[in-house]
Amino acid sequence: MHAEARLRFYKGSAQKVRLVADTVRGHGIPRALSVLKLTHRRCAHDLEKLVRSAVANLEQKSPGIDAGKLVLKSIWVDQGPSLKRFRAASMGRVFPRLHKYCHVTVQVAEREE
């Protein structure tokens, strides 16, 4: 039995979120949550909330499941849209700025023994 949670249109580049996602992929839920809590990245707090949401989704599907025996089956980050904006510069020029977004998907499952 597995469940998933999605975070769509997260304000942050996919490359930066993947750095944090790679550190917790395949770990047990208690360890993944503690690693995310101690990670000093902006996206770590939001990924922690997403993992908790996936665990809650699995508990909703099958009540009475032990959260300590769950594992982070997979987590992946896809690139989302980029909003193109321009910043005024000197001498009438403009500098382009990209506001990048990404989509994060987390799958949680019971640990296979």
C-alpha atoms as a PDB file:
ATOM      1  CA  MET A   1       0.000   0.000   0.000  1.00  0.00           C
ATOM      2  CA  HIS A   2       1.372   3.414  -0.904  1.00  0.00           C
ATOM      3  CA  ALA A   3       0.205   7.018  -1.001  1.00  0.00           C
ATOM      4  CA  GLU A   4       1.528  10.187  -2.530  1.00  0.00           C
ATOM      5  CA  ALA A   5       1.395  13.924  -2.082  1.00  0.00           C
ATOM      6  CA  ARG A   6       2.178  16.641  -4.605  1.00  0.00           C
ATOM      7  CA  LEU A   7       3.430  20.171  -4.201  1.00  0.00           C
ATOM      8  CA  ARG A   8       2.825  22.055  -7.416  1.00  0.00           C
ATOM      9  CA  PHE A   9       4.143  25.448  -8.468  1.00  0.00           C
ATOM     10  CA  TYR A  10       6.657  25.691  -5.625  1.00  0.00           C
ATOM     11  CA  LYS A  11       8.608  28.948  -5.800  1.00  0.00           C
ATOM     12  CA  GLY A  12      12.157  27.697  -6.191  1.00  0.00           C
ATOM     13  CA  SER A  13      14.334  26.168  -8.851  1.00  0.00           C
ATOM     14  CA  ALA A  14      14.152  22.427  -9.409  1.00  0.00           C
ATOM     15  CA  GLN A  15      17.930  22.142  -9.142  1.00  0.00           C
ATOM     16  CA  LYS A  16      17.993  23.554  -5.597  1.00  0.00           C
ATOM     17  CA  VAL A  17      15.051  21.445  -4.419  1.00  0.00           C
ATOM     18  CA  ARG A  18      16.630  18.285  -5.888  1.00  0.00           C
ATOM     19  CA  LEU A  19      19.677  18.792  -3.651  1.00  0.00           C
ATOM     20  CA  VAL A  20      17.483  18.386  -0.570  1.00  0.00           C
ATOM     21  CA  ALA A  21      15.298  15.656  -2.096  1.00  0.00           C
ATOM     22  CA  ASP A  22      18.352  13.512  -2.861  1.00  0.00           C
ATOM     23  CA  THR A  23      19.403  13.527   0.804  1.00  0.00           C
ATOM     24  CA  VAL A  24      16.183  11.864   2.034  1.00  0.00           C
ATOM     25  CA  ARG A  25      15.246   9.557  -0.834  1.00  0.00           C
ATOM     26  CA  GLY A  26      14.862   5.947   0.339  1.00  0.00           C
ATOM     27  CA  HIS A  27      15.080   6.698   4.069  1.00  0.00           C
ATOM     28  CA  GLY A  28      12.539   5.767   6.697  1.00  0.00           C
ATOM     29  CA  ILE A  29       9.990   8.432   7.589  1.00  0.00           C
ATOM     30  CA  PRO A  30      11.336   9.265  11.086  1.00  0.00           C
ATOM     31  CA  ARG A  31      14.877   9.652   9.750  1.00  0.00           C
ATOM     32  CA  ALA A  32      13.753  11.653   6.703  1.00  0.00           C
ATOM     33  CA  LEU A  33      11.771  14.065   8.878  1.00  0.00           C
ATOM     34  CA  SER A  34      14.701  14.599  11.239  1.00  0.00           C
ATOM     35  CA  VAL A  35      17.099  15.193   8.332  1.00  0.00           C
ATOM     36  CA  LEU A  36      14.714  17.708   6.780  1.00  0.00           C
ATOM     37  CA  LYS A  37      14.251  19.456  10.123  1.00  0.00           C
ATOM     38  CA  LEU A  38      18.025  19.965  10.467  1.00  0.00           C
ATOM     39  CA  THR A  39      18.684  20.974   6.852  1.00  0.00           C
ATOM     40  CA  HIS A  40      19.432  24.677   6.411  1.00  0.00           C
ATOM     41  CA  ARG A  41      17.761  25.192   3.062  1.00  0.00           C
ATOM     42  CA  ARG A  42      14.637  27.210   2.327  1.00  0.00           C
ATOM     43  CA  CYS A  43      12.828  24.293   0.701  1.00  0.00           C
ATOM     44  CA  ALA A  44      13.527  21.814   3.537  1.00  0.00           C
ATOM     45  CA  HIS A  45      10.627  23.060   5.679  1.00  0.00           C
ATOM     46  CA  ASP A  46       8.181  22.742   2.783  1.00  0.00           C
ATOM     47  CA  LEU A  47       9.449  19.253   1.888  1.00  0.00           C
ATOM     48  CA  GLU A  48       8.977  18.241   5.522  1.00  0.00           C
ATOM     49  CA  LYS A  49       5.358  19.382   5.364  1.00  0.00           C
ATOM     50  CA  LEU A  50       4.918  17.469   2.098  1.00  0.00           C
ATOM     51  CA  VAL A  51       6.266  14.229   3.611  1.00  0.00           C
ATOM     52  CA  ARG A  52       3.928  14.646   6.593  1.00  0.00           C
ATOM     53  CA  SER A  53       1.041  15.141   4.162  1.00  0.00           C
ATOM     54  CA  ALA A  54       1.920  11.937   2.294  1.00  0.00           C
ATOM     55  CA  VAL A  55       2.023  10.024   5.595  1.00  0.00           C
ATOM     56  CA  ALA A  56      -1.383  11.457   6.533  1.00  0.00           C
ATOM     57  CA  ASN A  57      -2.743  10.410   3.127  1.00  0.00           C
ATOM     58  CA  LEU A  58      -1.568   6.836   3.728  1.00  0.00           C
ATOM     59  CA  GLU A  59      -3.069   6.816   7.229  1.00  0.00           C
ATOM     60  CA  GLN A  60      -6.338   8.016   5.704  1.00  0.00           C
ATOM     61  CA  LYS A  61      -6.276   5.178   3.146  1.00  0.00           C
ATOM     62  CA  SER A  62      -5.484   2.456   5.675  1.00  0.00           C
ATOM     63  CA  PRO A  63      -6.197   3.393   9.309  1.00  0.00           C
ATOM     64  CA  GLY A  64      -4.070   1.869  12.040  1.00  0.00           C
ATOM     65  CA  ILE A  65      -0.851   1.816  10.038  1.00  0.00           C
ATOM     66  CA  ASP A  66       2.369   2.371  12.008  1.00  0.00           C
ATOM     67  CA  ALA A  67       4.157   5.515  10.807  1.00  0.00           C
ATOM     68  CA  GLY A  68       7.478   4.197  12.126  1.00  0.00           C
ATOM     69  CA  LYS A  69       7.463   1.363   9.586  1.00  0.00           C
ATOM     70  CA  LEU A  70       6.979   3.617   6.564  1.00  0.00           C
ATOM     71  CA  VAL A  71       9.662   4.460   4.053  1.00  0.00           C
ATOM     72  CA  LEU A  72      10.039   7.291   1.559  1.00  0.00           C
ATOM     73  CA  LYS A  73       9.567   5.161  -1.559  1.00  0.00           C
ATOM     74  CA  SER A  74      10.325   7.884  -4.073  1.00  0.00           C
ATOM     75  CA  ILE A  75      10.594  11.631  -4.328  1.00  0.00           C
ATOM     76  CA  TRP A  76      11.104  13.519  -7.538  1.00  0.00           C
ATOM     77  CA  VAL A  77      11.243  17.134  -8.619  1.00  0.00           C
ATOM     78  CA  ASP A  78      10.066  18.305 -12.025  1.00  0.00           C
ATOM     79  CA  GLN A  79      10.676  21.689 -13.541  1.00  0.00           C
ATOM     80  CA  GLY A  80       7.678  24.005 -13.606  1.00  0.00           C
ATOM     81  CA  PRO A  81       7.043  27.215 -15.516  1.00  0.00           C
ATOM     82  CA  SER A  82       9.324  30.233 -15.382  1.00  0.00           C
ATOM     83  CA  LEU A  83       7.943  33.735 -15.148  1.00  0.00           C
ATOM     84  CA  LYS A  84      10.042  36.158 -17.147  1.00  0.00           C
ATOM     85  CA  ARG A  85      10.454  39.580 -15.571  1.00  0.00           C
ATOM     86  CA  PHE A  86      12.753  42.489 -16.337  1.00  0.00           C
ATOM     87  CA  ARG A  87      14.740  44.747 -14.033  1.00  0.00           C
ATOM     88  CA  ALA A  88      15.517  48.286 -15.079  1.00  0.00           C
ATOM     89  CA  ALA A  89      19.194  49.047 -15.484  1.00  0.00           C
ATOM     90  CA  SER A  90      21.232  52.123 -16.227  1.00  0.00           C
ATOM     91  CA  MET A  91      21.336  53.843 -19.623  1.00  0.00           C
ATOM     92  CA  GLY A  92      17.875  52.600 -20.582  1.00  0.00           C
ATOM     93  CA  ARG A  93      18.779  48.929 -20.529  1.00  0.00           C
ATOM     94  CA  VAL A  94      16.932  46.062 -18.856  1.00  0.00           C
ATOM     95  CA  PHE A  95      18.193  42.871 -17.258  1.00  0.00           C
ATOM     96  CA  PRO A  96      16.021  39.748 -17.511  1.00  0.00           C
ATOM     97  CA  ARG A  97      15.086  37.822 -14.366  1.00  0.00           C
ATOM     98  CA  LEU A  98      13.542  34.368 -14.210  1.00  0.00           C
ATOM     99  CA  HIS A  99      11.201  33.420 -11.369  1.00  0.00           C
ATOM    100  CA  LYS A 100      11.490  29.630 -11.443  1.00  0.00           C
ATOM    101  CA  TYR A 101       8.903  27.161 -10.169  1.00  0.00           C
ATOM    102  CA  CYS A 102       8.944  23.381  -9.724  1.00  0.00           C
ATOM    103  CA  HIS A 103       6.630  20.466  -8.944  1.00  0.00           C
ATOM    104  CA  VAL A 104       7.533  17.991  -6.173  1.00  0.00           C
ATOM    105  CA  THR A 105       5.978  14.517  -5.774  1.00  0.00           C
ATOM    106  CA  VAL A 106       6.499  12.261  -2.749  1.00  0.00           C
ATOM    107  CA  GLN A 107       5.481   8.585  -2.495  1.00  0.00           C
ATOM    108  CA  VAL A 108       5.330   6.835   0.872  1.00  0.00           C
ATOM    109  CA  ALA A 109       4.963   3.063   1.304  1.00  0.00           C
ATOM    110  CA  GLU A 110       5.258   0.373   3.929  1.00  0.00           C
ATOM    111  CA  ARG A 111       8.732  -1.049   4.400  1.00  0.00           C
ATOM    112  CA  GLU A 112       9.120  -4.416   2.680  1.00  0.00           C
ATOM    113  CA  GLU A 113      10.738  -7.000   4.921  1.00  0.00           C
END
